[in-house]
Amino acid sequence: KTIKHGVLIFDSATILITLTILYAHFLGE
């Protein structure tokens, strides 16, 4: 309930970027 929108956007972007990196690492060309 206390998470700010800016922090939510940052965390979402960070997790998305990290998961994309992991996906590319394990399943990429």
PDB file of all heavy atoms in Angstrom:
ATOM      1  N   LYS A   1       0.804  -1.223   0.000  1.00  0.00           N
ATOM      2  CA  LYS A   1       0.000   0.000   0.000  1.00  0.00           C
ATOM      3  C   LYS A   1       0.837   1.272   0.000  1.00  0.00           C
ATOM      4  O   LYS A   1       0.336   2.343  -0.287  1.00  0.00           O
ATOM      5  CB  LYS A   1      -0.925   0.009   1.218  1.00  0.00           C
ATOM      6  CG  LYS A   1      -2.018  -1.058   1.158  1.00  0.00           C
ATOM      7  CD  LYS A   1      -2.948  -0.955   2.352  1.00  0.00           C
ATOM      8  CE  LYS A   1      -4.048  -2.006   2.289  1.00  0.00           C
ATOM      9  NZ  LYS A   1      -4.957  -1.923   3.460  1.00  0.00           N
ATOM     10  N   THR A   2       2.098   1.185   0.370  1.00  0.00           N
ATOM     11  CA  THR A   2       2.925   2.393   0.488  1.00  0.00           C
ATOM     12  C   THR A   2       3.901   2.568  -0.675  1.00  0.00           C
ATOM     13  O   THR A   2       4.666   3.507  -0.692  1.00  0.00           O
ATOM     14  CB  THR A   2       3.740   2.346   1.797  1.00  0.00           C
ATOM     15  OG1 THR A   2       4.569   1.176   1.796  1.00  0.00           O
ATOM     16  CG2 THR A   2       2.821   2.302   3.006  1.00  0.00           C
ATOM     17  N   ILE A   3       3.891   1.660  -1.637  1.00  0.00           N
ATOM     18  CA  ILE A   3       4.806   1.754  -2.771  1.00  0.00           C
ATOM     19  C   ILE A   3       4.373   2.905  -3.686  1.00  0.00           C
ATOM     20  O   ILE A   3       3.219   2.993  -4.093  1.00  0.00           O
ATOM     21  CB  ILE A   3       4.841   0.441  -3.577  1.00  0.00           C
ATOM     22  CG1 ILE A   3       5.358  -0.694  -2.697  1.00  0.00           C
ATOM     23  CG2 ILE A   3       5.703   0.577  -4.819  1.00  0.00           C
ATOM     24  CD1 ILE A   3       6.808  -0.587  -2.325  1.00  0.00           C
ATOM     25  N   LYS A   4       5.308   3.771  -4.028  1.00  0.00           N
ATOM     26  CA  LYS A   4       5.021   4.888  -4.925  1.00  0.00           C
ATOM     27  C   LYS A   4       4.978   4.397  -6.373  1.00  0.00           C
ATOM     28  O   LYS A   4       5.585   3.391  -6.725  1.00  0.00           O
ATOM     29  CB  LYS A   4       6.090   5.976  -4.782  1.00  0.00           C
ATOM     30  CG  LYS A   4       6.134   6.628  -3.417  1.00  0.00           C
ATOM     31  CD  LYS A   4       7.021   7.864  -3.423  1.00  0.00           C
ATOM     32  CE  LYS A   4       8.449   7.540  -3.800  1.00  0.00           C
ATOM     33  NZ  LYS A   4       9.318   8.728  -3.753  1.00  0.00           N
ATOM     34  N   HIS A   5       4.290   5.179  -7.223  1.00  0.00           N
ATOM     35  CA  HIS A   5       4.163   4.806  -8.630  1.00  0.00           C
ATOM     36  C   HIS A   5       5.527   4.784  -9.322  1.00  0.00           C
ATOM     37  O   HIS A   5       5.799   3.901 -10.141  1.00  0.00           O
ATOM     38  CB  HIS A   5       3.225   5.775  -9.355  1.00  0.00           C
ATOM     39  CG  HIS A   5       1.798   5.668  -8.915  1.00  0.00           C
ATOM     40  ND1 HIS A   5       1.055   4.524  -9.112  1.00  0.00           N
ATOM     41  CD2 HIS A   5       0.990   6.554  -8.271  1.00  0.00           C
ATOM     42  CE1 HIS A   5      -0.171   4.700  -8.629  1.00  0.00           C
ATOM     43  NE2 HIS A   5      -0.236   5.924  -8.106  1.00  0.00           N
ATOM     44  N   GLY A   6       6.380   5.759  -8.979  1.00  0.00           N
ATOM     45  CA  GLY A   6       7.706   5.818  -9.582  1.00  0.00           C
ATOM     46  C   GLY A   6       8.545   4.594  -9.260  1.00  0.00           C
ATOM     47  O   GLY A   6       9.235   4.037 -10.120  1.00  0.00           O
ATOM     48  N   VAL A   7       8.456   4.145  -7.999  1.00  0.00           N
ATOM     49  CA  VAL A   7       9.194   2.959  -7.559  1.00  0.00           C
ATOM     50  C   VAL A   7       8.628   1.716  -8.240  1.00  0.00           C
ATOM     51  O   VAL A   7       9.378   0.833  -8.660  1.00  0.00           O
ATOM     52  CB  VAL A   7       9.117   2.809  -6.021  1.00  0.00           C
ATOM     53  CG1 VAL A   7       9.849   1.551  -5.565  1.00  0.00           C
ATOM     54  CG2 VAL A   7       9.697   4.035  -5.340  1.00  0.00           C
ATOM     55  N   LEU A   8       7.301   1.670  -8.360  1.00  0.00           N
ATOM     56  CA  LEU A   8       6.651   0.539  -9.024  1.00  0.00           C
ATOM     57  C   LEU A   8       7.108   0.418 -10.477  1.00  0.00           C
ATOM     58  O   LEU A   8       7.409  -0.678 -10.963  1.00  0.00           O
ATOM     59  CB  LEU A   8       5.132   0.708  -8.964  1.00  0.00           C
ATOM     60  CG  LEU A   8       4.284  -0.378  -9.659  1.00  0.00           C
ATOM     61  CD1 LEU A   8       4.533  -1.737  -9.013  1.00  0.00           C
ATOM     62  CD2 LEU A   8       2.815  -0.010  -9.608  1.00  0.00           C
ATOM     63  N   ILE A   9       7.190   1.558 -11.159  1.00  0.00           N
ATOM     64  CA  ILE A   9       7.645   1.570 -12.561  1.00  0.00           C
ATOM     65  C   ILE A   9       9.098   1.108 -12.650  1.00  0.00           C
ATOM     66  O   ILE A   9       9.460   0.296 -13.513  1.00  0.00           O
ATOM     67  CB  ILE A   9       7.482   2.982 -13.171  1.00  0.00           C
ATOM     68  CG1 ILE A   9       5.994   3.339 -13.303  1.00  0.00           C
ATOM     69  CG2 ILE A   9       8.169   3.065 -14.541  1.00  0.00           C
ATOM     70  CD1 ILE A   9       5.740   4.790 -13.641  1.00  0.00           C
ATOM     71  N   PHE A  10       9.935   1.628 -11.731  1.00  0.00           N
ATOM     72  CA  PHE A  10      11.356   1.253 -11.739  1.00  0.00           C
ATOM     73  C   PHE A  10      11.528  -0.240 -11.495  1.00  0.00           C
ATOM     74  O   PHE A  10      12.271  -0.917 -12.215  1.00  0.00           O
ATOM     75  CB  PHE A  10      12.126   2.051 -10.686  1.00  0.00           C
ATOM     76  CG  PHE A  10      13.601   1.731 -10.639  1.00  0.00           C
ATOM     77  CD1 PHE A  10      14.498   2.458 -11.398  1.00  0.00           C
ATOM     78  CD2 PHE A  10      14.093   0.713  -9.831  1.00  0.00           C
ATOM     79  CE1 PHE A  10      15.868   2.161 -11.372  1.00  0.00           C
ATOM     80  CE2 PHE A  10      15.445   0.412  -9.793  1.00  0.00           C
ATOM     81  CZ  PHE A  10      16.337   1.139 -10.562  1.00  0.00           C
ATOM     82  N   ASP A  11      10.837  -0.747 -10.472  1.00  0.00           N
ATOM     83  CA  ASP A  11      10.960  -2.174 -10.130  1.00  0.00           C
ATOM     84  C   ASP A  11      10.428  -3.061 -11.253  1.00  0.00           C
ATOM     85  O   ASP A  11      11.036  -4.089 -11.578  1.00  0.00           O
ATOM     86  CB  ASP A  11      10.215  -2.471  -8.834  1.00  0.00           C
ATOM     87  CG  ASP A  11      10.968  -1.963  -7.610  1.00  0.00           C
ATOM     88  OD1 ASP A  11      12.178  -1.738  -7.724  1.00  0.00           O
ATOM     89  OD2 ASP A  11      10.338  -1.789  -6.554  1.00  0.00           O
ATOM     90  N   SER A  12       9.317  -2.664 -11.841  1.00  0.00           N
ATOM     91  CA  SER A  12       8.743  -3.445 -12.946  1.00  0.00           C
ATOM     92  C   SER A  12       9.702  -3.479 -14.130  1.00  0.00           C
ATOM     93  O   SER A  12       9.919  -4.550 -14.736  1.00  0.00           O
ATOM     94  CB  SER A  12       7.401  -2.846 -13.383  1.00  0.00           C
ATOM     95  OG  SER A  12       6.491  -2.816 -12.307  1.00  0.00           O
ATOM     96  N   ALA A  13      10.275  -2.304 -14.448  1.00  0.00           N
ATOM     97  CA  ALA A  13      11.227  -2.223 -15.571  1.00  0.00           C
ATOM     98  C   ALA A  13      12.472  -3.046 -15.280  1.00  0.00           C
ATOM     99  O   ALA A  13      12.983  -3.751 -16.159  1.00  0.00           O
ATOM    100  CB  ALA A  13      11.596  -0.764 -15.825  1.00  0.00           C
ATOM    101  N   THR A  14      12.972  -2.967 -14.036  1.00  0.00           N
ATOM    102  CA  THR A  14      14.174  -3.715 -13.645  1.00  0.00           C
ATOM    103  C   THR A  14      13.950  -5.222 -13.753  1.00  0.00           C
ATOM    104  O   THR A  14      14.784  -5.942 -14.313  1.00  0.00           O
ATOM    105  CB  THR A  14      14.585  -3.360 -12.204  1.00  0.00           C
ATOM    106  OG1 THR A  14      14.842  -1.954 -12.119  1.00  0.00           O
ATOM    107  CG2 THR A  14      15.848  -4.110 -11.805  1.00  0.00           C
ATOM    108  N   ILE A  15      12.819  -5.688 -13.216  1.00  0.00           N
ATOM    109  CA  ILE A  15      12.515  -7.115 -13.267  1.00  0.00           C
ATOM    110  C   ILE A  15      12.320  -7.576 -14.714  1.00  0.00           C
ATOM    111  O   ILE A  15      12.804  -8.644 -15.120  1.00  0.00           O
ATOM    112  CB  ILE A  15      11.258  -7.434 -12.427  1.00  0.00           C
ATOM    113  CG1 ILE A  15      11.559  -7.235 -10.937  1.00  0.00           C
ATOM    114  CG2 ILE A  15      10.780  -8.866 -12.681  1.00  0.00           C
ATOM    115  CD1 ILE A  15      10.356  -7.372 -10.036  1.00  0.00           C
ATOM    116  N   LEU A  16      11.654  -6.739 -15.516  1.00  0.00           N
ATOM    117  CA  LEU A  16      11.427  -7.071 -16.928  1.00  0.00           C
ATOM    118  C   LEU A  16      12.754  -7.175 -17.689  1.00  0.00           C
ATOM    119  O   LEU A  16      12.970  -8.123 -18.459  1.00  0.00           O
ATOM    120  CB  LEU A  16      10.528  -6.009 -17.570  1.00  0.00           C
ATOM    121  CG  LEU A  16      10.174  -6.236 -19.049  1.00  0.00           C
ATOM    122  CD1 LEU A  16       9.385  -7.531 -19.212  1.00  0.00           C
ATOM    123  CD2 LEU A  16       9.381  -5.052 -19.592  1.00  0.00           C
ATOM    124  N   ILE A  17      13.640  -6.199 -17.446  1.00  0.00           N
ATOM    125  CA  ILE A  17      14.958  -6.208 -18.105  1.00  0.00           C
ATOM    126  C   ILE A  17      15.764  -7.438 -17.676  1.00  0.00           C
ATOM    127  O   ILE A  17      16.368  -8.118 -18.510  1.00  0.00           O
ATOM    128  CB  ILE A  17      15.735  -4.908 -17.775  1.00  0.00           C
ATOM    129  CG1 ILE A  17      15.076  -3.704 -18.450  1.00  0.00           C
ATOM    130  CG2 ILE A  17      17.202  -5.024 -18.224  1.00  0.00           C
ATOM    131  CD1 ILE A  17      15.610  -2.367 -17.966  1.00  0.00           C
ATOM    132  N   THR A  18      15.740  -7.721 -16.354  1.00  0.00           N
ATOM    133  CA  THR A  18      16.492  -8.863 -15.830  1.00  0.00           C
ATOM    134  C   THR A  18      15.977 -10.173 -16.402  1.00  0.00           C
ATOM    135  O   THR A  18      16.764 -11.041 -16.817  1.00  0.00           O
ATOM    136  CB  THR A  18      16.421  -8.897 -14.295  1.00  0.00           C
ATOM    137  OG1 THR A  18      16.871  -7.636 -13.771  1.00  0.00           O
ATOM    138  CG2 THR A  18      17.301  -9.995 -13.731  1.00  0.00           C
ATOM    139  N   LEU A  19      14.648 -10.336 -16.445  1.00  0.00           N
ATOM    140  CA  LEU A  19      14.058 -11.568 -16.997  1.00  0.00           C
ATOM    141  C   LEU A  19      14.343 -11.701 -18.488  1.00  0.00           C
ATOM    142  O   LEU A  19      14.561 -12.816 -18.993  1.00  0.00           O
ATOM    143  CB  LEU A  19      12.544 -11.579 -16.747  1.00  0.00           C
ATOM    144  CG  LEU A  19      12.109 -11.740 -15.282  1.00  0.00           C
ATOM    145  CD1 LEU A  19      10.589 -11.646 -15.159  1.00  0.00           C
ATOM    146  CD2 LEU A  19      12.604 -13.065 -14.703  1.00  0.00           C
ATOM    147  N   THR A  20      14.361 -10.578 -19.201  1.00  0.00           N
ATOM    148  CA  THR A  20      14.698 -10.590 -20.631  1.00  0.00           C
ATOM    149  C   THR A  20      16.136 -11.046 -20.839  1.00  0.00           C
ATOM    150  O   THR A  20      16.439 -11.836 -21.741  1.00  0.00           O
ATOM    151  CB  THR A  20      14.501  -9.184 -21.245  1.00  0.00           C
ATOM    152  OG1 THR A  20      13.160  -8.759 -21.018  1.00  0.00           O
ATOM    153  CG2 THR A  20      14.793  -9.196 -22.737  1.00  0.00           C
ATOM    154  N   ILE A  21      17.037 -10.542 -19.977  1.00  0.00           N
ATOM    155  CA  ILE A  21      18.448 -10.946 -20.042  1.00  0.00           C
ATOM    156  C   ILE A  21      18.588 -12.445 -19.775  1.00  0.00           C
ATOM    157  O   ILE A  21      19.313 -13.155 -20.484  1.00  0.00           O
ATOM    158  CB  ILE A  21      19.286 -10.131 -19.034  1.00  0.00           C
ATOM    159  CG1 ILE A  21      19.390  -8.666 -19.480  1.00  0.00           C
ATOM    160  CG2 ILE A  21      20.695 -10.720 -18.886  1.00  0.00           C
ATOM    161  CD1 ILE A  21      20.019  -7.751 -18.439  1.00  0.00           C
ATOM    162  N   LEU A  22      17.872 -12.941 -18.758  1.00  0.00           N
ATOM    163  CA  LEU A  22      17.931 -14.369 -18.420  1.00  0.00           C
ATOM    164  C   LEU A  22      17.341 -15.224 -19.539  1.00  0.00           C
ATOM    165  O   LEU A  22      17.877 -16.301 -19.864  1.00  0.00           O
ATOM    166  CB  LEU A  22      17.175 -14.624 -17.111  1.00  0.00           C
ATOM    167  CG  LEU A  22      17.790 -14.023 -15.843  1.00  0.00           C
ATOM    168  CD1 LEU A  22      16.889 -14.267 -14.645  1.00  0.00           C
ATOM    169  CD2 LEU A  22      19.182 -14.594 -15.587  1.00  0.00           C
ATOM    170  N   TYR A  23      16.254 -14.750 -20.140  1.00  0.00           N
ATOM    171  CA  TYR A  23      15.641 -15.481 -21.260  1.00  0.00           C
ATOM    172  C   TYR A  23      16.611 -15.574 -22.438  1.00  0.00           C
ATOM    173  O   TYR A  23      16.783 -16.651 -23.029  1.00  0.00           O
ATOM    174  CB  TYR A  23      14.350 -14.780 -21.689  1.00  0.00           C
ATOM    175  CG  TYR A  23      13.701 -15.391 -22.914  1.00  0.00           C
ATOM    176  CD1 TYR A  23      12.877 -16.507 -22.788  1.00  0.00           C
ATOM    177  CD2 TYR A  23      13.931 -14.863 -24.182  1.00  0.00           C
ATOM    178  CE1 TYR A  23      12.291 -17.088 -23.909  1.00  0.00           C
ATOM    179  CE2 TYR A  23      13.366 -15.438 -25.311  1.00  0.00           C
ATOM    180  CZ  TYR A  23      12.541 -16.549 -25.175  1.00  0.00           C
ATOM    181  OH  TYR A  23      11.975 -17.123 -26.278  1.00  0.00           O
ATOM    182  N   ALA A  24      17.232 -14.449 -22.757  1.00  0.00           N
ATOM    183  CA  ALA A  24      18.202 -14.430 -23.865  1.00  0.00           C
ATOM    184  C   ALA A  24      19.399 -15.329 -23.558  1.00  0.00           C
ATOM    185  O   ALA A  24      19.955 -15.980 -24.447  1.00  0.00           O
ATOM    186  CB  ALA A  24      18.656 -13.001 -24.131  1.00  0.00           C
ATOM    187  N   HIS A  25      19.776 -15.353 -22.268  1.00  0.00           N
ATOM    188  CA  HIS A  25      20.947 -16.147 -21.874  1.00  0.00           C
ATOM    189  C   HIS A  25      20.671 -17.646 -22.015  1.00  0.00           C
ATOM    190  O   HIS A  25      21.535 -18.404 -22.485  1.00  0.00           O
ATOM    191  CB  HIS A  25      21.327 -15.825 -20.424  1.00  0.00           C
ATOM    192  CG  HIS A  25      22.496 -16.620 -19.930  1.00  0.00           C
ATOM    193  ND1 HIS A  25      23.793 -16.207 -20.095  1.00  0.00           N
ATOM    194  CD2 HIS A  25      22.567 -17.817 -19.275  1.00  0.00           C
ATOM    195  CE1 HIS A  25      24.614 -17.108 -19.572  1.00  0.00           C
ATOM    196  NE2 HIS A  25      23.890 -18.094 -19.061  1.00  0.00           N
ATOM    197  N   PHE A  26      19.492 -18.088 -21.602  1.00  0.00           N
ATOM    198  CA  PHE A  26      19.192 -19.515 -21.595  1.00  0.00           C
ATOM    199  C   PHE A  26      18.571 -20.003 -22.908  1.00  0.00           C
ATOM    200  O   PHE A  26      18.798 -21.146 -23.319  1.00  0.00           O
ATOM    201  CB  PHE A  26      18.253 -19.855 -20.430  1.00  0.00           C
ATOM    202  CG  PHE A  26      18.917 -19.773 -19.088  1.00  0.00           C
ATOM    203  CD1 PHE A  26      18.596 -18.750 -18.201  1.00  0.00           C
ATOM    204  CD2 PHE A  26      19.873 -20.700 -18.704  1.00  0.00           C
ATOM    205  CE1 PHE A  26      19.208 -18.664 -16.964  1.00  0.00           C
ATOM    206  CE2 PHE A  26      20.492 -20.619 -17.465  1.00  0.00           C
ATOM    207  CZ  PHE A  26      20.172 -19.601 -16.592  1.00  0.00           C
ATOM    208  N   LEU A  27      17.781 -19.154 -23.565  1.00  0.00           N
ATOM    209  CA  LEU A  27      17.021 -19.611 -24.738  1.00  0.00           C
ATOM    210  C   LEU A  27      17.352 -18.859 -26.025  1.00  0.00           C
ATOM    211  O   LEU A  27      16.804 -19.175 -27.074  1.00  0.00           O
ATOM    212  CB  LEU A  27      15.508 -19.486 -24.459  1.00  0.00           C
ATOM    213  CG  LEU A  27      14.997 -20.283 -23.239  1.00  0.00           C
ATOM    214  CD1 LEU A  27      13.543 -19.937 -22.961  1.00  0.00           C
ATOM    215  CD2 LEU A  27      15.163 -21.778 -23.457  1.00  0.00           C
ATOM    216  N   GLY A  28      18.216 -17.841 -25.926  1.00  0.00           N
ATOM    217  CA  GLY A  28      18.565 -17.053 -27.110  1.00  0.00           C
ATOM    218  C   GLY A  28      19.493 -17.802 -28.046  1.00  0.00           C
ATOM    219  O   GLY A  28      19.964 -18.914 -27.762  1.00  0.00           O
ATOM    220  N   GLU A  29      19.779 -17.179 -29.198  1.00  0.00           N
ATOM    221  CA  GLU A  29      20.659 -17.783 -30.199  1.00  0.00           C
ATOM    222  C   GLU A  29      22.064 -18.027 -29.660  1.00  0.00           C
ATOM    223  O   GLU A  29      22.705 -19.033 -29.970  1.00  0.00           O
ATOM    224  CB  GLU A  29      20.733 -16.878 -31.435  1.00  0.00           C
ATOM    225  CG  GLU A  29      19.442 -16.813 -32.222  1.00  0.00           C
ATOM    226  CD  GLU A  29      19.585 -15.960 -33.469  1.00  0.00           C
ATOM    227  OE1 GLU A  29      20.751 -15.649 -33.829  1.00  0.00           O
ATOM    228  OE2 GLU A  29      18.567 -15.619 -34.079  1.00  0.00           O
TER     229      GLU A  29
END
